[in-house]
Structures are given as C-alpha cells and as structure tokens.
Amino acid sequence: METVVAFTAIAVSIMIGLAALGTALGFGMLGGKFLEAAARQPELAPQLQVKMFIVAGLIDAIAMIGVAVALLFTFANPFLTQLG
C-alpha cells in the first residue's frame, strides 16, 4: 500500500511539472510568434492579438486539466480503493 502511495506521489509531481513546463514553452512560443507576426504586418496586430488570447486560454486550460487529474490521484486515488 505504501508503494502505491509513493508511486502516486511521484506520478503526480511529474504530471504537474510537465504541465507547468508545457505551459511555459507554449506561452513562450506563442508570444514570440505573435511579436514576429505583428512586426511583419502591423495592421493585423489587433486580429492577431485576439487569436493569441484565445490560444493562450486553451494552453492554460490544458495545464489546468493536468493539474485536476493530478489532484484526483492525490486525494481520491483509484488504485488504493482496489487494494482496500
């Protein structure tokens, strides 16, 4: 039982870490490409900005789903109920 709890803690930390890493990389690439596109065509900057914020919300939502699954494994571990 302790092994399952330990491996769950390791899995949760990896899930949250990868969610944070993916979000950081996504926001960095998104911001860089937005600045590059706005510098090339300044007249399209308002339209690009709206699309950038929509994609930023989707990137953040993916990370929040990963954190929610990690919290599920932390507080309502389905592997422990099978052992009990």
Protein backbone atom coordinates (compact mmCIF):
# COMPACT_ATOMS: atom_id res chain seq x y z
CA MET A 1 0.00 0.00 0.00
CA GLU A 2 2.85 2.38 0.80
CA THR A 3 4.41 1.63 -2.56
CA VAL A 4 1.24 2.66 -4.37
CA VAL A 5 1.12 5.93 -2.40
CA ALA A 6 4.80 6.60 -3.14
CA PHE A 7 4.47 5.91 -6.85
CA THR A 8 1.33 8.03 -6.97
CA ALA A 9 3.20 10.93 -5.39
CA ILE A 10 5.97 10.60 -7.95
CA ALA A 11 3.46 10.43 -10.81
CA VAL A 12 1.59 13.48 -9.52
CA SER A 13 4.78 15.51 -9.26
CA ILE A 14 5.79 14.52 -12.79
CA MET A 15 2.32 15.40 -14.12
CA ILE A 16 2.29 18.85 -12.51
CA GLY A 17 5.88 19.53 -13.55
CA LEU A 18 5.25 18.58 -17.17
CA ALA A 19 2.05 20.65 -17.22
CA ALA A 20 3.98 23.69 -15.99
CA LEU A 21 6.82 23.07 -18.44
CA GLY A 22 4.45 22.63 -21.38
CA THR A 23 2.53 25.77 -20.50
CA ALA A 24 5.71 27.81 -20.16
CA LEU A 25 7.03 26.60 -23.51
CA GLY A 26 3.66 27.17 -25.15
CA PHE A 27 3.33 30.72 -23.87
CA GLY A 28 6.91 31.50 -24.86
CA MET A 29 6.46 30.25 -28.40
CA LEU A 30 3.05 31.90 -28.69
CA GLY A 31 4.36 35.28 -27.55
CA GLY A 32 7.39 35.09 -29.81
CA LYS A 33 5.35 34.19 -32.88
CA PHE A 34 2.83 36.93 -32.08
CA LEU A 35 5.57 39.57 -31.87
CA GLU A 36 7.13 38.28 -35.06
CA ALA A 37 3.81 38.38 -36.92
CA ALA A 38 2.91 41.81 -35.56
CA ALA A 39 6.30 43.17 -36.64
CA ARG A 40 5.83 41.80 -40.15
CA GLN A 41 2.27 43.08 -40.59
CA PRO A 42 1.41 45.76 -38.01
CA GLU A 43 -2.06 46.31 -39.47
CA LEU A 44 -3.08 42.78 -38.46
CA ALA A 45 -1.90 43.16 -34.85
CA PRO A 46 -5.41 43.60 -33.30
CA GLN A 47 -6.76 40.49 -35.04
CA LEU A 48 -3.68 38.51 -34.11
CA GLN A 49 -3.94 39.67 -30.51
CA VAL A 50 -7.49 38.32 -30.20
CA LYS A 51 -6.42 34.96 -31.62
CA MET A 52 -3.37 34.93 -29.36
CA PHE A 53 -5.51 35.35 -26.23
CA ILE A 54 -7.87 32.57 -27.35
CA VAL A 55 -4.95 30.19 -27.86
CA ALA A 56 -3.42 31.32 -24.54
CA GLY A 57 -6.64 30.37 -22.78
CA LEU A 58 -6.61 26.95 -24.43
CA ILE A 59 -2.98 26.38 -23.46
CA ASP A 60 -3.78 27.30 -19.87
CA ALA A 61 -6.86 25.07 -19.87
CA ILE A 62 -4.79 22.05 -20.88
CA ALA A 63 -2.45 22.65 -17.95
CA MET A 64 -5.40 23.01 -15.56
CA ILE A 65 -6.80 19.67 -16.76
CA GLY A 66 -3.44 18.07 -15.98
CA VAL A 67 -3.44 19.62 -12.50
CA ALA A 68 -7.02 18.42 -11.92
CA VAL A 69 -6.10 14.85 -12.84
CA ALA A 70 -3.06 15.06 -10.55
CA LEU A 71 -5.24 16.27 -7.68
CA LEU A 72 -7.66 13.44 -8.37
CA PHE A 73 -4.85 10.94 -7.97
CA THR A 74 -3.66 12.71 -4.84
CA PHE A 75 -6.92 12.91 -2.90
CA ALA A 76 -9.12 10.19 -4.44
CA ASN A 77 -6.62 7.61 -5.54
CA PRO A 78 -8.46 4.90 -7.54
CA PHE A 79 -5.56 2.47 -7.06
CA LEU A 80 -5.95 2.48 -3.28
CA THR A 81 -9.64 1.62 -3.45
CA GLN A 82 -8.82 -1.51 -5.46
CA LEU A 83 -6.32 -2.63 -2.83
CA GLY A 84 -8.60 -1.94 0.14
